[in-house]
Protein backbone atom coordinates (compact mmCIF):
# COMPACT_ATOMS: atom_id res chain seq x y z
CA UNK A 1 4.37 -3.54 39.67
CA UNK A 2 1.71 -5.73 37.95
CA UNK A 3 0.59 -2.84 35.73
CA UNK A 4 4.09 -2.19 34.41
CA UNK A 5 4.63 -5.90 33.89
CA UNK A 6 1.44 -6.17 31.84
CA UNK A 7 2.39 -3.18 29.67
CA UNK A 8 5.84 -4.69 29.08
CA UNK A 9 4.27 -8.03 28.04
CA UNK A 10 1.91 -6.33 25.59
CA UNK A 11 4.78 -4.29 24.13
CA UNK A 12 6.71 -7.51 23.55
CA UNK A 13 3.76 -9.08 21.72
CA UNK A 14 3.24 -5.98 19.57
CA UNK A 15 6.89 -6.04 18.51
CA UNK A 16 6.46 -9.62 17.25
CA UNK A 17 3.00 -9.41 15.71
CA UNK A 18 2.62 -10.24 12.02
CA UNK A 19 -0.28 -11.57 9.92
CA UNK A 20 1.17 -15.09 10.33
CA UNK A 21 1.41 -14.83 14.12
CA UNK A 22 -1.71 -12.70 14.64
CA UNK A 23 -4.04 -15.33 16.12
CA UNK A 24 -1.56 -16.51 18.75
CA UNK A 25 -0.21 -13.10 19.77
CA UNK A 26 -3.62 -11.40 19.72
CA UNK A 27 -4.88 -14.05 22.15
CA UNK A 28 -1.94 -13.32 24.44
CA UNK A 29 -2.54 -9.55 24.30
CA UNK A 30 -6.22 -10.05 25.12
CA UNK A 31 -5.33 -12.28 28.07
CA UNK A 32 -2.97 -9.63 29.48
CA UNK A 33 -5.37 -6.71 28.87
CA UNK A 34 -7.43 -5.24 31.71
CA UNK A 35 -10.08 -2.55 31.41
CA UNK A 36 -8.33 -0.33 33.97
CA UNK A 37 -5.32 0.01 31.68
CA UNK A 38 -7.17 1.20 28.56
CA UNK A 39 -5.59 4.64 28.74
CA UNK A 40 -2.11 3.08 28.66
CA UNK A 41 -2.66 0.23 26.17
CA UNK A 42 -4.65 2.07 23.48
CA UNK A 43 -1.83 4.57 22.74
CA UNK A 44 0.64 1.66 22.43
CA UNK A 45 -1.45 -0.19 19.85
CA UNK A 46 -2.42 3.00 18.06
CA UNK A 47 1.21 4.07 17.66
CA UNK A 48 2.13 0.62 16.37
CA UNK A 49 -0.73 0.79 13.85
CA UNK A 50 0.44 4.20 12.62
CA UNK A 51 3.93 2.89 11.92
CA UNK A 52 2.48 0.01 9.87
CA UNK A 53 -0.49 1.57 8.09
CA UNK A 54 -0.51 -1.19 5.47
CA UNK A 55 -1.77 -3.49 8.25
CA UNK A 56 -4.51 -1.13 9.47
CA UNK A 57 -7.18 -3.84 9.21
CA UNK A 58 -5.16 -6.19 11.43
CA UNK A 59 -4.78 -3.58 14.18
CA UNK A 60 -8.45 -2.61 13.88
CA UNK A 61 -9.28 -6.29 14.46
CA UNK A 62 -7.00 -6.27 17.50
CA UNK A 63 -8.91 -3.33 19.00
CA UNK A 64 -12.12 -5.22 18.28
CA UNK A 65 -10.81 -8.28 20.15
CA UNK A 66 -9.87 -6.15 23.16
CA UNK A 67 -13.28 -4.50 23.17
CA UNK A 68 -15.04 -7.88 23.04
CA UNK A 69 -13.35 -8.86 26.32
CA UNK A 70 -14.81 -5.94 28.27
CA UNK A 71 -18.04 -5.34 26.32
CA UNK A 72 -20.20 -6.91 29.05
CA UNK A 73 -19.14 -4.29 31.61
CA UNK A 74 -20.85 -0.98 30.88
CA UNK A 75 -18.29 1.20 32.63
CA UNK A 76 -15.29 -0.53 31.04
CA UNK A 77 -17.01 -0.49 27.65
CA UNK A 78 -17.56 3.28 27.86
CA UNK A 79 -14.03 3.97 29.12
CA UNK A 80 -12.45 1.95 26.32
CA UNK A 81 -14.46 3.56 23.51
CA UNK A 82 -13.95 7.06 24.90
CA UNK A 83 -10.19 6.57 25.14
CA UNK A 84 -10.12 5.23 21.56
CA UNK A 85 -12.19 8.15 20.25
CA UNK A 86 -9.98 10.76 21.95
CA UNK A 87 -6.84 9.10 20.58
CA UNK A 88 -8.24 9.12 17.03
CA UNK A 89 -9.10 12.80 17.27
CA UNK A 90 -5.70 13.72 18.75
CA UNK A 91 -3.63 11.72 16.26
CA UNK A 92 -5.51 13.05 13.23
CA UNK A 93 -5.06 16.67 14.34
CA UNK A 94 -1.32 16.11 14.91
CA UNK A 95 -0.88 14.35 11.56
CA UNK A 96 -2.73 17.08 9.66
CA UNK A 97 -0.57 19.79 11.21
CA UNK A 98 2.61 17.80 10.47
CA UNK A 99 1.69 17.03 6.84
CA UNK A 100 0.67 20.61 6.12
CA UNK A 101 3.92 21.97 7.59
CA UNK A 102 5.93 19.43 5.61
CA UNK A 103 4.11 20.29 2.39
CA UNK A 104 4.85 24.00 2.87
CA UNK A 105 8.52 23.40 3.62
CA UNK A 106 9.10 20.89 0.81
CA UNK A 107 9.72 22.54 -2.53
CA UNK A 108 10.82 19.38 -4.34
CA UNK A 109 7.28 18.48 -5.32
CA UNK A 110 7.88 14.79 -4.59
CA UNK A 111 4.84 12.73 -3.69
CA UNK A 112 5.14 11.38 -0.16
CA UNK A 113 2.99 9.05 1.89
CA UNK A 114 0.79 11.26 4.06
CA UNK A 115 0.42 10.04 7.62
CA UNK A 116 -2.92 11.82 8.02
CA UNK A 117 -4.42 9.93 5.06
CA UNK A 118 -3.33 6.62 6.60
CA UNK A 119 -4.88 7.58 9.96
CA UNK A 120 -8.08 8.53 8.16
CA UNK A 121 -8.30 5.04 6.66
CA UNK A 122 -7.63 3.48 10.06
CA UNK A 123 -10.46 5.54 11.59
CA UNK A 124 -12.75 4.26 8.86
CA UNK A 125 -11.74 0.67 9.68
CA UNK A 126 -12.56 1.25 13.37
CA UNK A 127 -15.97 2.64 12.40
CA UNK A 128 -16.71 -0.45 10.30
CA UNK A 129 -16.16 -2.56 13.44
CA UNK A 130 -18.54 -0.31 15.40
CA UNK A 131 -15.79 0.94 17.69
CA UNK A 132 -16.54 4.55 16.73
CA UNK A 133 -19.98 6.10 16.56
CA UNK A 134 -21.46 7.65 13.45
CA UNK A 135 -21.84 10.95 15.28
CA UNK A 136 -18.08 11.13 15.87
CA UNK A 137 -17.31 10.35 12.22
CA UNK A 138 -19.81 12.95 11.03
CA UNK A 139 -18.26 15.68 13.21
CA UNK A 140 -14.80 14.88 11.87
CA UNK A 141 -16.02 15.12 8.27
CA UNK A 142 -17.82 18.39 9.01
CA UNK A 143 -14.61 19.82 10.45
CA UNK A 144 -12.57 18.72 7.44
CA UNK A 145 -15.03 19.83 4.76
CA UNK A 146 -16.30 22.95 6.60
CA UNK A 147 -19.89 21.82 7.01
CA UNK A 148 -21.75 23.89 9.59
CA UNK A 149 -23.19 21.80 12.44
CA UNK A 150 -26.61 22.68 13.92
CA UNK A 151 -26.20 25.07 16.83
CA UNK A 152 -22.68 26.09 15.82
CA UNK A 153 -21.76 29.36 14.10
CA UNK A 154 -21.45 28.96 10.33
CA UNK A 155 -18.09 28.98 8.61
CA UNK A 156 -17.07 32.11 6.66
CA UNK A 157 -18.76 32.19 3.29
CA UNK A 158 -16.68 30.64 0.55
CA UNK A 159 -14.45 28.77 3.02
CA UNK A 160 -13.12 25.63 1.32
CA UNK A 161 -10.85 22.84 2.58
CA UNK A 162 -7.25 22.49 1.55
CA UNK A 163 -6.28 19.67 -0.80
CA UNK A 164 -4.88 17.71 2.16
CA UNK A 165 -8.04 18.12 4.25
CA UNK A 166 -10.11 17.06 1.27
CA UNK A 167 -7.94 13.99 0.64
CA UNK A 168 -8.19 12.93 4.30
CA UNK A 169 -11.98 13.33 4.30
CA UNK A 170 -12.39 11.43 1.03
CA UNK A 171 -10.23 8.53 2.25
CA UNK A 172 -12.47 8.25 5.31
CA UNK A 173 -15.57 8.33 3.11
CA UNK A 174 -14.07 5.78 0.73
CA UNK A 175 -13.33 3.37 3.61
CA UNK A 176 -16.57 3.73 5.60
CA UNK A 177 -18.98 5.07 2.97
CA UNK A 178 -20.92 1.90 2.21
CA UNK A 179 -21.72 1.15 5.85
CA UNK A 180 -22.27 4.81 6.64
CA UNK A 181 -24.73 5.39 3.82
CA UNK A 182 -26.81 2.42 4.97
CA UNK A 183 -26.79 3.64 8.57
CA UNK A 184 -28.11 7.19 8.11
CA UNK A 185 -29.62 9.43 5.46
CA UNK A 186 -27.56 12.49 6.38
CA UNK A 187 -24.58 10.92 4.67
CA UNK A 188 -26.30 11.29 1.29
CA UNK A 189 -27.79 14.68 2.10
CA UNK A 190 -25.00 16.52 3.92
CA UNK A 191 -21.75 14.72 3.12
CA UNK A 192 -22.31 13.78 -0.53
CA UNK A 193 -24.05 17.10 -1.16
CA UNK A 194 -21.02 18.94 0.18
CA UNK A 195 -18.44 17.12 -1.96
CA UNK A 196 -20.61 17.62 -5.07
CA UNK A 197 -20.67 21.34 -4.25
CA UNK A 198 -16.88 21.38 -3.80
CA UNK A 199 -16.41 19.67 -7.17
CA UNK A 200 -17.93 22.71 -8.87
CA UNK A 201 -16.20 25.38 -6.76
CA UNK A 202 -12.64 24.09 -6.29
CA UNK A 203 -10.11 25.00 -8.96
CA UNK A 204 -7.50 22.34 -8.19
CA UNK A 205 -7.44 19.62 -10.83
CA UNK A 206 -6.23 17.07 -8.28
CA UNK A 207 -9.12 17.91 -5.95
CA UNK A 208 -11.64 17.50 -8.77
CA UNK A 209 -10.24 14.08 -9.68
CA UNK A 210 -10.24 12.93 -6.05
CA UNK A 211 -13.91 13.89 -5.68
CA UNK A 212 -14.85 12.30 -8.99
CA UNK A 213 -13.19 9.03 -7.95
CA UNK A 214 -15.29 8.84 -4.78
CA UNK A 215 -18.51 9.76 -6.60
CA UNK A 216 -17.80 7.07 -9.21
CA UNK A 217 -17.13 4.57 -6.43
CA UNK A 218 -20.48 5.35 -4.83
CA UNK A 219 -22.22 5.09 -8.21
CA UNK A 220 -20.81 1.56 -8.60
CA UNK A 221 -22.24 0.51 -5.25
CA UNK A 222 -18.89 1.07 -3.45
CA UNK A 223 -17.27 -1.64 -5.55
CA UNK A 224 -13.69 -0.76 -6.44
CA UNK A 225 -12.89 -0.81 -10.13
CA UNK A 226 -9.52 -2.40 -9.41
CA UNK A 227 -9.05 -4.76 -6.49
CA UNK A 228 -6.13 -3.55 -4.41
CA UNK A 229 -3.69 -6.22 -3.30
CA UNK A 230 -3.62 -6.61 0.47
CA UNK A 231 -0.48 -7.60 2.36
CA UNK A 232 -0.16 -11.38 2.19
CA UNK A 233 1.19 -13.89 4.62
CA UNK A 234 4.43 -15.63 3.82
CA UNK A 235 2.56 -18.94 3.65
CA UNK A 236 0.14 -17.66 1.02
CA UNK A 237 1.19 -18.30 -2.56
CA UNK A 238 0.87 -15.47 -5.03
CA UNK A 239 -1.24 -15.79 -8.15
CA UNK A 240 1.87 -15.81 -10.29
CA UNK A 241 4.87 -17.72 -9.04
CA UNK A 242 8.21 -17.89 -10.75
CA UNK A 243 9.98 -21.21 -10.65
CA UNK A 244 13.62 -21.45 -11.64
CA UNK A 245 14.17 -24.79 -13.35
CA UNK A 246 17.72 -24.09 -14.39
CA UNK A 247 16.80 -23.32 -17.98
CA UNK A 248 14.94 -20.08 -17.41
CA UNK A 249 11.74 -19.02 -15.65
CA UNK A 250 8.45 -20.84 -16.03
CA UNK A 251 5.06 -19.59 -14.94
CA UNK A 252 2.85 -22.19 -13.34
CA UNK A 253 -0.35 -20.21 -13.93
CA UNK A 254 -1.20 -20.77 -17.58
CA UNK A 255 -4.05 -18.27 -17.61
CA UNK A 256 -1.70 -15.48 -16.55
CA UNK A 257 1.24 -16.68 -18.61
CA UNK A 258 -0.86 -16.34 -21.74
CA UNK A 259 -0.84 -12.56 -21.28
CA UNK A 260 2.95 -12.34 -21.06
CA UNK A 261 4.94 -11.35 -24.14
CA UNK A 262 7.05 -13.98 -25.75
CA UNK A 263 10.56 -14.04 -24.37
CA UNK A 264 13.07 -12.40 -26.72
CA UNK A 265 15.64 -14.83 -25.40
CA UNK A 266 14.19 -18.35 -25.42
CA UNK A 267 16.38 -21.05 -23.96
CA UNK A 268 16.48 -24.08 -26.26
CA UNK A 269 19.16 -26.75 -26.71
CA UNK A 270 19.79 -25.59 -30.29
CA UNK A 271 20.24 -21.90 -29.64
CA UNK A 272 22.23 -19.60 -27.47
CA UNK A 273 20.27 -16.56 -26.29
CA UNK A 274 17.60 -16.40 -28.97
CA UNK A 275 19.53 -17.77 -31.90
CA UNK A 276 22.99 -16.31 -31.54
CA UNK A 277 25.69 -14.80 -29.37
CA UNK A 278 26.59 -11.22 -28.57
CA UNK A 279 29.80 -9.91 -30.08
CA UNK A 280 31.17 -6.64 -28.75
CA UNK A 281 32.90 -4.34 -31.20
CA UNK A 282 36.35 -3.37 -30.05
CA UNK A 283 36.01 -3.31 -26.25
CA UNK A 284 34.43 -5.08 -23.36
CA UNK A 285 30.77 -4.14 -22.91
CA UNK A 286 31.42 -2.58 -19.51
CA UNK A 287 33.67 0.10 -20.94
CA UNK A 288 32.51 1.74 -24.18
CA UNK A 289 34.51 2.16 -27.32
CA UNK A 290 37.50 4.37 -28.03
CA UNK A 291 35.24 7.35 -28.79
CA UNK A 292 33.55 7.17 -25.41
CA UNK A 293 30.30 5.78 -26.80
CA UNK A 294 28.48 2.67 -25.67
CA UNK A 295 29.78 -0.58 -27.15
CA UNK A 296 27.82 -1.99 -30.05
CA UNK A 297 26.48 -5.52 -29.70
CA UNK A 298 25.82 -7.64 -32.77
CA UNK A 299 24.00 -10.94 -32.71
CA UNK A 300 25.79 -13.65 -34.64
CA UNK A 301 23.77 -16.52 -36.10
CA UNK A 302 23.70 -19.86 -34.34
CA UNK A 303 26.92 -21.71 -35.01
CA UNK A 304 27.12 -25.36 -35.91
CA UNK A 305 30.19 -27.59 -35.99
CA UNK A 306 30.38 -27.05 -39.78
CA UNK A 307 30.64 -23.30 -39.38
CA UNK A 308 32.99 -23.24 -36.41
CA UNK A 309 35.89 -22.18 -38.58
CA UNK A 310 33.98 -19.21 -39.93
CA UNK A 311 33.25 -18.08 -36.38
CA UNK A 312 36.89 -18.25 -35.40
CA UNK A 313 37.82 -16.17 -38.41
CA UNK A 314 35.41 -13.39 -37.45
CA UNK A 315 37.36 -10.15 -36.74
CA UNK A 316 35.74 -9.84 -33.32
CA UNK A 317 36.12 -13.47 -32.31
CA UNK A 318 38.42 -12.52 -29.46
CA UNK A 319 35.65 -10.50 -27.84
CA UNK A 320 32.83 -13.01 -27.86
CA UNK A 321 30.68 -12.73 -24.81
CA UNK A 322 27.72 -14.95 -24.34
CA UNK A 323 24.60 -13.61 -22.68
CA UNK A 324 24.57 -13.95 -18.86
CA UNK A 325 23.21 -17.33 -17.88
CA UNK A 326 23.74 -18.91 -21.30
CA UNK A 327 25.88 -22.04 -21.56
CA UNK A 328 29.33 -21.58 -23.12
CA UNK A 329 29.45 -21.96 -26.92
CA UNK A 330 31.14 -25.34 -26.87
CA UNK A 331 30.40 -26.13 -30.51
CA UNK A 332 32.29 -23.04 -31.68
CA UNK A 333 35.59 -24.07 -30.17
CA UNK A 334 35.67 -27.82 -30.57
């Protein structure tokens, strides 16, 4: 069956896709893709994106490439965007229900990555590429923040979103807010007005801080105060690289190395581990002393050939241990 063969080929490409291989594999996926199979292919890519939310931008670009192939055909264009919109709505509802149930059943209080927040960011990325309409995004925000839509019955008075619903909505606003605010005035009037209202009515400290972060972001022109590191390719060098030269670690970026504290254990030809060697009192360092306490390490001064005899006469000379990685104290035993 040609349809099954095409789906199998796209699955194989998705299993191999990485930022390094994106251009080549995305071209293969686009060549296999046909408009008639949108309902089968979109769930495959969407599920892959949800398992690797750190690469949400890459998968949003992949959807954009697929859409570009069929954008000239009106029927295929509509079918593709409708299938994508329905999948976004379905996956967000499922993730919200799952995260809320997990939060109620988990009494440990540990902070976990919320799938619904990741999907919210992915939806914002799709909107930035004009794969989702502003009307769809607005309805989702209204549902999350309990904003009454024209023609619909109003929500019960005093109805407020849960902390999870608020976090999902704010992540979507944070991702798409700059483009959204430029596209329509109802973002400033309805959406921003609603979160300002919630800031004064909600009692949760976390909710207040989440809202304040988004309002501060908007006040700065949607410029993040701290630039978040994006996943890098293996071929891309990091800003700070550690190079092992055999005598320690050097930093090849002088501007960043200037902010590092001085090493407490400099490696120089005339010193062993910062000017001395560790001597353990009574027992090996891995075992504690006779009272069950941790062993005590003393730093002896640097020994020279003239003072070798004094080192050998030290009461703990039999338990000398040099610091890991340091050369053996040859001068002490010559």
